[in-house]
Amino acid sequence: MSTLANLAVGLVALLHCYFLVLEMFFWDKPLGLRTFRLTPEFAQASKALAANQGLYNGFLAAGLFWGILLGTSGNAIKIFFLCCVIVAGLYGAYSVGKKILWVQAVPGLIALGLVLIS
């Protein structure tokens, strides 16, 4: 079960690496405009804010990878960062759009459940 939990945590970490890349490097490019349904004008005006948001997603991913590297002794770290992911996903679903619930919060919740039972 521990291996399955680490795979789930790793998937959540990889998702946040993807979010980092989208928000920091592709926010105002065709991929970012399509993904986030942005106008070029809004993307340009909010580019710095998106890059900052992407950096935070990178910190979440780093924390999750750190927890995985520590093995079972890193469970507390995995739990902390997964809770951060879930809270961010819930707030994003509330403030931006319901899709964030499924893309961020639910994978984090599944990984957290697997860590807790492993």
Protein backbone atom coordinates (compact mmCIF):
# COMPACT_ATOMS: atom_id res chain seq x y z
CA MET A 1 0.00 0.00 0.00
CA SER A 2 2.93 2.34 0.69
CA THR A 3 4.06 2.06 -2.94
CA LEU A 4 0.57 2.95 -4.18
CA ALA A 5 0.45 5.92 -1.80
CA ASN A 6 3.84 7.16 -3.03
CA LEU A 7 2.71 6.80 -6.64
CA ALA A 8 -0.39 8.87 -5.90
CA VAL A 9 1.67 11.51 -4.07
CA GLY A 10 4.12 11.53 -7.00
CA LEU A 11 1.26 12.05 -9.45
CA VAL A 12 0.00 15.02 -7.43
CA ALA A 13 3.55 16.42 -7.36
CA LEU A 14 3.86 16.01 -11.13
CA LEU A 15 0.52 17.77 -11.62
CA HIS A 16 1.88 20.71 -9.64
CA CYS A 17 5.04 20.73 -11.73
CA TYR A 18 2.77 20.95 -14.78
CA PHE A 19 0.83 23.82 -13.16
CA LEU A 20 4.16 25.57 -12.48
CA VAL A 21 5.18 25.31 -16.13
CA LEU A 22 1.78 26.46 -17.39
CA GLU A 23 1.56 29.43 -15.05
CA MET A 24 5.18 30.57 -15.16
CA PHE A 25 6.08 29.97 -18.80
CA PHE A 26 2.92 29.49 -20.88
CA TRP A 27 0.39 31.82 -19.24
CA ASP A 28 0.35 34.23 -22.18
CA LYS A 29 1.15 31.64 -24.87
CA PRO A 30 -1.45 29.68 -26.90
CA LEU A 31 -1.35 26.69 -24.52
CA GLY A 32 -1.93 28.87 -21.46
CA LEU A 33 -4.58 30.97 -23.17
CA ARG A 34 -6.47 27.80 -24.17
CA THR A 35 -6.01 26.02 -20.83
CA PHE A 36 -7.15 28.94 -18.69
CA ARG A 37 -9.54 30.45 -21.27
CA LEU A 38 -7.82 33.83 -21.17
CA THR A 39 -7.81 36.76 -23.51
CA PRO A 40 -4.33 37.86 -24.60
CA GLU A 41 -4.91 41.22 -22.88
CA PHE A 42 -5.82 39.66 -19.54
CA ALA A 43 -2.96 37.17 -19.77
CA GLN A 44 -0.46 39.96 -20.35
CA ALA A 45 -1.86 42.06 -17.51
CA SER A 46 -1.84 39.14 -15.03
CA LYS A 47 1.39 37.44 -16.16
CA ALA A 48 3.38 38.36 -13.02
CA LEU A 49 0.61 37.15 -10.73
CA ALA A 50 0.40 33.86 -12.61
CA ALA A 51 4.16 33.37 -12.37
CA ASN A 52 3.97 33.88 -8.61
CA GLN A 53 1.15 31.35 -8.42
CA GLY A 54 3.21 28.92 -10.47
CA LEU A 55 6.12 29.30 -8.08
CA TYR A 56 3.86 28.33 -5.17
CA ASN A 57 2.76 25.25 -7.09
CA GLY A 58 6.44 24.39 -7.48
CA PHE A 59 6.90 24.61 -3.72
CA LEU A 60 3.99 22.22 -3.23
CA ALA A 61 5.57 19.78 -5.68
CA ALA A 62 8.97 20.09 -3.98
CA GLY A 63 7.44 19.34 -0.60
CA LEU A 64 5.66 16.28 -1.94
CA PHE A 65 8.82 14.96 -3.62
CA TRP A 66 10.73 15.60 -0.38
CA GLY A 67 8.18 13.52 1.54
CA ILE A 68 8.49 10.68 -0.99
CA LEU A 69 12.29 10.73 -0.74
CA LEU A 70 12.06 10.30 3.03
CA GLY A 71 9.93 7.17 2.67
CA THR A 72 7.61 6.33 5.56
CA SER A 73 9.45 8.77 7.83
CA GLY A 74 8.25 11.49 5.43
CA ASN A 75 4.56 10.73 5.92
CA ALA A 76 4.02 13.82 8.09
CA ILE A 77 5.55 15.98 5.34
CA LYS A 78 3.39 14.30 2.68
CA ILE A 79 0.29 14.83 4.83
CA PHE A 80 1.10 18.51 5.39
CA PHE A 81 1.71 19.28 1.71
CA LEU A 82 -1.30 17.22 0.56
CA CYS A 83 -3.47 19.20 2.98
CA CYS A 84 -2.07 22.40 1.43
CA VAL A 85 -2.93 21.06 -2.03
CA ILE A 86 -6.47 20.17 -0.93
CA VAL A 87 -7.11 23.57 0.70
CA ALA A 88 -5.74 25.36 -2.38
CA GLY A 89 -7.95 23.20 -4.61
CA LEU A 90 -11.05 23.86 -2.51
CA TYR A 91 -10.41 27.59 -2.49
CA GLY A 92 -9.72 27.56 -6.23
CA ALA A 93 -12.97 25.68 -6.85
CA TYR A 94 -14.83 28.24 -4.76
CA SER A 95 -13.17 31.36 -6.15
CA VAL A 96 -12.28 30.45 -9.75
CA GLY A 97 -14.15 27.40 -11.03
CA LYS A 98 -15.44 23.96 -10.09
CA LYS A 99 -12.98 22.26 -12.46
CA ILE A 100 -10.17 22.98 -9.98
CA LEU A 101 -11.91 20.74 -7.46
CA TRP A 102 -11.46 17.75 -9.79
CA VAL A 103 -8.01 18.66 -11.11
CA GLN A 104 -6.35 19.61 -7.82
CA ALA A 105 -8.37 18.85 -4.67
CA VAL A 106 -9.67 15.38 -5.53
CA PRO A 107 -6.27 13.92 -6.56
CA GLY A 108 -4.81 15.42 -3.37
CA LEU A 109 -7.60 13.90 -1.29
CA ILE A 110 -7.10 10.46 -2.86
CA ALA A 111 -3.35 10.62 -2.26
CA LEU A 112 -3.92 11.76 1.33
CA GLY A 113 -6.29 8.85 1.95
CA LEU A 114 -3.71 6.40 0.60
CA VAL A 115 -0.94 7.90 2.74
CA LEU A 116 -3.12 7.70 5.85
CA ILE A 117 -4.00 4.03 5.35
CA SER A 118 -0.52 2.92 4.31
